[in-house]
Structure formats: C-alpha cells, structure tokens
Amino acid sequence: MSVKDKVIEIIAEQAMLEPSDVSMDSTPEDLGIDSLGLVEAIFAIEESFDISIPFNANDPSESDFDISSVANIIAGIDALIAEKG
C-alpha cells in the first residue's frame, strides 16, 4: 500500500467515510474532522509510518506541518519519511 493510500485510509476512518470519498484537495474541515479527530489521525499516521509529525494540536497555525489539505498532509509525510531515510 502506498503512503498516499494508507494516509487516505486513516483520514477516511477518522471522518467515518469511504476512502473513495476523500479527495486530494479535501481539507480536514471538508471531511468533518474536528481537532480531536485530526490529532487521532496524525497519531495513527505516526504509528503507521514510524515517524514524528511536528504538529502542535494546541496551536495548529504554529506547526511546521501543513494540514490544509489531504495532498499537503501526504506531501509532508513523504518528506518526513524521506528525511528519516
């Protein structure tokens, strides 16, 4: 399973949607994911890929991690996986 497919699967699970309902330009808000759901999704992604995502749940705007769309989340995860080597 690709990074993209796995991330979409995790996000869809949090949103209680089918992965096919999650598009690359969907935002967490579009999908009905609240801040707690977002934190849970990020936690699941970290566990799945054994990475640490620099996301501050208390102040998302201060995070270095772009959560503005599914595509940006996937790009950020790809970058973290690449950095990890």
N, C-alpha and C. Protein backbone atom coordinates (compact mmCIF):
# COMPACT_ATOMS: atom_id res chain seq x y z
N MET A 1 0.85 -1.19 0.00
CA MET A 1 0.00 0.00 0.00
C MET A 1 0.89 1.25 0.00
N SER A 2 0.57 2.19 -0.86
CA SER A 2 1.37 3.41 -0.96
C SER A 2 1.10 4.31 0.26
N VAL A 3 2.00 5.26 0.46
CA VAL A 3 1.83 6.25 1.53
C VAL A 3 0.49 6.96 1.33
N LYS A 4 0.25 7.37 0.09
CA LYS A 4 -0.99 8.09 -0.22
C LYS A 4 -2.22 7.26 0.17
N ASP A 5 -2.24 5.99 -0.24
CA ASP A 5 -3.41 5.15 0.05
C ASP A 5 -3.59 4.93 1.54
N LYS A 6 -2.48 4.72 2.26
CA LYS A 6 -2.56 4.49 3.70
C LYS A 6 -3.05 5.74 4.43
N VAL A 7 -2.52 6.89 4.05
CA VAL A 7 -2.94 8.15 4.69
C VAL A 7 -4.42 8.40 4.41
N ILE A 8 -4.85 8.19 3.17
CA ILE A 8 -6.27 8.39 2.84
C ILE A 8 -7.14 7.42 3.64
N GLU A 9 -6.67 6.18 3.79
CA GLU A 9 -7.41 5.20 4.58
C GLU A 9 -7.58 5.67 6.02
N ILE A 10 -6.50 6.18 6.62
CA ILE A 10 -6.54 6.66 8.02
C ILE A 10 -7.46 7.87 8.14
N ILE A 11 -7.32 8.82 7.21
CA ILE A 11 -8.16 10.02 7.24
C ILE A 11 -9.64 9.65 7.05
N ALA A 12 -9.91 8.76 6.12
CA ALA A 12 -11.29 8.33 5.87
C ALA A 12 -11.87 7.67 7.12
N GLU A 13 -11.06 6.85 7.79
CA GLU A 13 -11.52 6.18 9.01
C GLU A 13 -11.91 7.21 10.07
N GLN A 14 -11.08 8.25 10.23
CA GLN A 14 -11.37 9.31 11.20
C GLN A 14 -12.65 10.06 10.83
N ALA A 15 -12.85 10.25 9.53
CA ALA A 15 -14.02 11.02 9.07
C ALA A 15 -15.26 10.14 8.95
N MET A 16 -15.10 8.83 9.20
CA MET A 16 -16.18 7.87 9.03
C MET A 16 -16.73 7.92 7.61
N LEU A 17 -15.80 7.95 6.65
CA LEU A 17 -16.13 7.97 5.23
C LEU A 17 -15.43 6.80 4.55
N GLU A 18 -15.80 6.56 3.30
CA GLU A 18 -15.06 5.60 2.48
C GLU A 18 -13.84 6.30 1.92
N PRO A 19 -12.71 5.58 1.75
CA PRO A 19 -11.53 6.23 1.15
C PRO A 19 -11.85 6.91 -0.18
N SER A 20 -12.78 6.36 -0.94
CA SER A 20 -13.15 6.97 -2.22
C SER A 20 -13.81 8.34 -2.06
N ASP A 21 -14.29 8.64 -0.85
CA ASP A 21 -14.92 9.94 -0.58
C ASP A 21 -13.90 11.02 -0.23
N VAL A 22 -12.63 10.63 -0.07
CA VAL A 22 -11.58 11.56 0.33
C VAL A 22 -10.79 11.95 -0.92
N SER A 23 -10.83 13.23 -1.27
CA SER A 23 -10.06 13.68 -2.44
C SER A 23 -8.78 14.38 -1.97
N MET A 24 -7.85 14.53 -2.89
CA MET A 24 -6.56 15.14 -2.55
C MET A 24 -6.72 16.60 -2.12
N ASP A 25 -7.76 17.28 -2.63
CA ASP A 25 -7.92 18.68 -2.23
C ASP A 25 -8.91 18.87 -1.08
N SER A 26 -9.37 17.76 -0.49
CA SER A 26 -10.23 17.87 0.70
C SER A 26 -9.43 18.46 1.86
N THR A 27 -10.08 19.30 2.64
CA THR A 27 -9.48 19.77 3.88
C THR A 27 -10.06 18.93 5.01
N PRO A 28 -9.38 18.90 6.16
CA PRO A 28 -9.98 18.19 7.30
C PRO A 28 -11.40 18.69 7.60
N GLU A 29 -11.61 20.01 7.48
CA GLU A 29 -12.93 20.57 7.74
C GLU A 29 -13.96 20.04 6.73
N ASP A 30 -13.56 19.96 5.44
CA ASP A 30 -14.47 19.43 4.41
C ASP A 30 -14.96 18.04 4.79
N LEU A 31 -14.07 17.27 5.40
CA LEU A 31 -14.36 15.88 5.71
C LEU A 31 -15.05 15.72 7.07
N GLY A 32 -15.25 16.84 7.76
CA GLY A 32 -15.91 16.79 9.06
C GLY A 32 -15.01 16.30 10.17
N ILE A 33 -13.69 16.47 10.00
CA ILE A 33 -12.75 16.04 11.03
C ILE A 33 -12.47 17.23 11.95
N ASP A 34 -12.79 17.06 13.23
CA ASP A 34 -12.53 18.13 14.20
C ASP A 34 -11.09 18.02 14.72
N SER A 35 -10.73 18.91 15.62
CA SER A 35 -9.34 18.94 16.08
C SER A 35 -8.94 17.64 16.77
N LEU A 36 -9.85 17.05 17.53
CA LEU A 36 -9.54 15.79 18.19
C LEU A 36 -9.35 14.68 17.15
N GLY A 37 -10.22 14.64 16.15
CA GLY A 37 -10.10 13.65 15.09
C GLY A 37 -8.79 13.82 14.33
N LEU A 38 -8.39 15.07 14.14
CA LEU A 38 -7.14 15.34 13.43
C LEU A 38 -5.95 14.82 14.24
N VAL A 39 -5.98 15.07 15.53
CA VAL A 39 -4.91 14.57 16.41
C VAL A 39 -4.86 13.04 16.35
N GLU A 40 -6.02 12.40 16.40
CA GLU A 40 -6.06 10.93 16.32
C GLU A 40 -5.54 10.43 14.98
N ALA A 41 -5.90 11.13 13.89
CA ALA A 41 -5.41 10.73 12.57
C ALA A 41 -3.89 10.87 12.50
N ILE A 42 -3.37 11.98 13.01
CA ILE A 42 -1.92 12.20 12.99
C ILE A 42 -1.22 11.13 13.82
N PHE A 43 -1.79 10.80 14.97
CA PHE A 43 -1.22 9.75 15.82
C PHE A 43 -1.17 8.42 15.07
N ALA A 44 -2.26 8.09 14.38
CA ALA A 44 -2.33 6.83 13.61
C ALA A 44 -1.31 6.84 12.47
N ILE A 45 -1.15 7.99 11.82
CA ILE A 45 -0.18 8.12 10.73
C ILE A 45 1.24 7.95 11.28
N GLU A 46 1.52 8.59 12.41
CA GLU A 46 2.85 8.45 13.03
C GLU A 46 3.15 6.99 13.34
N GLU A 47 2.17 6.29 13.89
CA GLU A 47 2.37 4.87 14.21
C GLU A 47 2.56 4.03 12.96
N SER A 48 1.77 4.30 11.92
CA SER A 48 1.84 3.51 10.69
C SER A 48 3.19 3.62 10.00
N PHE A 49 3.76 4.83 10.03
CA PHE A 49 5.00 5.07 9.28
C PHE A 49 6.22 5.22 10.18
N ASP A 50 6.03 5.10 11.50
CA ASP A 50 7.12 5.24 12.46
C ASP A 50 7.85 6.56 12.26
N ILE A 51 7.07 7.65 12.22
CA ILE A 51 7.63 8.99 12.08
C ILE A 51 7.04 9.87 13.18
N SER A 52 7.63 11.03 13.36
CA SER A 52 7.10 12.01 14.30
C SER A 52 6.71 13.25 13.50
N ILE A 53 5.45 13.61 13.57
CA ILE A 53 4.93 14.74 12.81
C ILE A 53 4.97 15.99 13.70
N PRO A 54 5.64 17.05 13.22
CA PRO A 54 5.75 18.29 14.02
C PRO A 54 4.45 19.08 13.99
N PHE A 55 3.48 18.59 14.73
CA PHE A 55 2.16 19.21 14.74
C PHE A 55 1.79 19.57 16.17
N ASN A 56 1.45 20.83 16.39
CA ASN A 56 1.03 21.29 17.71
C ASN A 56 -0.50 21.39 17.70
N ALA A 57 -1.13 20.43 18.35
CA ALA A 57 -2.59 20.39 18.34
C ALA A 57 -3.20 21.61 19.03
N ASN A 58 -2.48 22.17 19.99
CA ASN A 58 -3.00 23.33 20.70
C ASN A 58 -2.91 24.60 19.86
N ASP A 59 -1.99 24.60 18.90
CA ASP A 59 -1.81 25.77 18.06
C ASP A 59 -1.39 25.35 16.65
N PRO A 60 -2.35 24.77 15.89
CA PRO A 60 -2.01 24.24 14.56
C PRO A 60 -1.33 25.25 13.65
N SER A 61 -1.66 26.52 13.78
CA SER A 61 -1.07 27.53 12.90
C SER A 61 0.42 27.71 13.18
N GLU A 62 0.87 27.29 14.36
CA GLU A 62 2.29 27.40 14.71
C GLU A 62 3.08 26.18 14.28
N SER A 63 2.41 25.17 13.77
CA SER A 63 3.09 23.94 13.37
C SER A 63 3.82 24.13 12.05
N ASP A 64 4.90 23.37 11.88
CA ASP A 64 5.61 23.38 10.60
C ASP A 64 4.96 22.42 9.61
N PHE A 65 3.92 21.73 10.06
CA PHE A 65 3.29 20.71 9.23
C PHE A 65 2.00 21.26 8.64
N ASP A 66 1.89 21.20 7.31
CA ASP A 66 0.75 21.77 6.61
C ASP A 66 -0.42 20.77 6.56
N ILE A 67 -1.49 21.11 7.26
CA ILE A 67 -2.65 20.22 7.30
C ILE A 67 -3.82 20.81 6.51
N SER A 68 -3.52 21.75 5.59
CA SER A 68 -4.60 22.46 4.91
C SER A 68 -5.36 21.60 3.90
N SER A 69 -4.74 20.51 3.43
CA SER A 69 -5.44 19.60 2.52
C SER A 69 -4.84 18.21 2.62
N VAL A 70 -5.57 17.24 2.11
CA VAL A 70 -5.07 15.86 2.11
C VAL A 70 -3.76 15.78 1.33
N ALA A 71 -3.69 16.47 0.19
CA ALA A 71 -2.46 16.44 -0.62
C ALA A 71 -1.26 16.99 0.18
N ASN A 72 -1.48 18.09 0.92
CA ASN A 72 -0.38 18.67 1.70
C ASN A 72 0.03 17.77 2.86
N ILE A 73 -0.94 17.10 3.47
CA ILE A 73 -0.62 16.15 4.54
C ILE A 73 0.25 15.02 3.97
N ILE A 74 -0.15 14.47 2.82
CA ILE A 74 0.62 13.38 2.20
C ILE A 74 2.02 13.86 1.82
N ALA A 75 2.12 15.06 1.25
CA ALA A 75 3.44 15.60 0.87
C ALA A 75 4.33 15.75 2.10
N GLY A 76 3.75 16.22 3.19
CA GLY A 76 4.51 16.38 4.43
C GLY A 76 4.99 15.04 4.98
N ILE A 77 4.14 14.04 4.90
CA ILE A 77 4.51 12.70 5.38
C ILE A 77 5.60 12.11 4.49
N ASP A 78 5.46 12.27 3.17
CA ASP A 78 6.51 11.81 2.24
C ASP A 78 7.86 12.44 2.60
N ALA A 79 7.84 13.74 2.91
CA ALA A 79 9.09 14.45 3.26
C ALA A 79 9.67 13.90 4.55
N LEU A 80 8.83 13.63 5.55
CA LEU A 80 9.30 13.10 6.83
C LEU A 80 9.89 11.69 6.66
N ILE A 81 9.25 10.89 5.82
CA ILE A 81 9.74 9.53 5.57
C ILE A 81 11.10 9.63 4.85
N ALA A 82 11.22 10.55 3.89
CA ALA A 82 12.48 10.72 3.16
C ALA A 82 13.60 11.18 4.10
N GLU A 83 13.29 12.12 5.01
CA GLU A 83 14.28 12.61 5.98
C GLU A 83 14.76 11.49 6.88
N LYS A 84 13.84 10.62 7.23
CA LYS A 84 14.16 9.50 8.12
C LYS A 84 15.12 8.52 7.42
N GLY A 85 15.04 8.50 6.08
CA GLY A 85 15.93 7.64 5.33
C GLY A 85 15.40 6.23 5.26
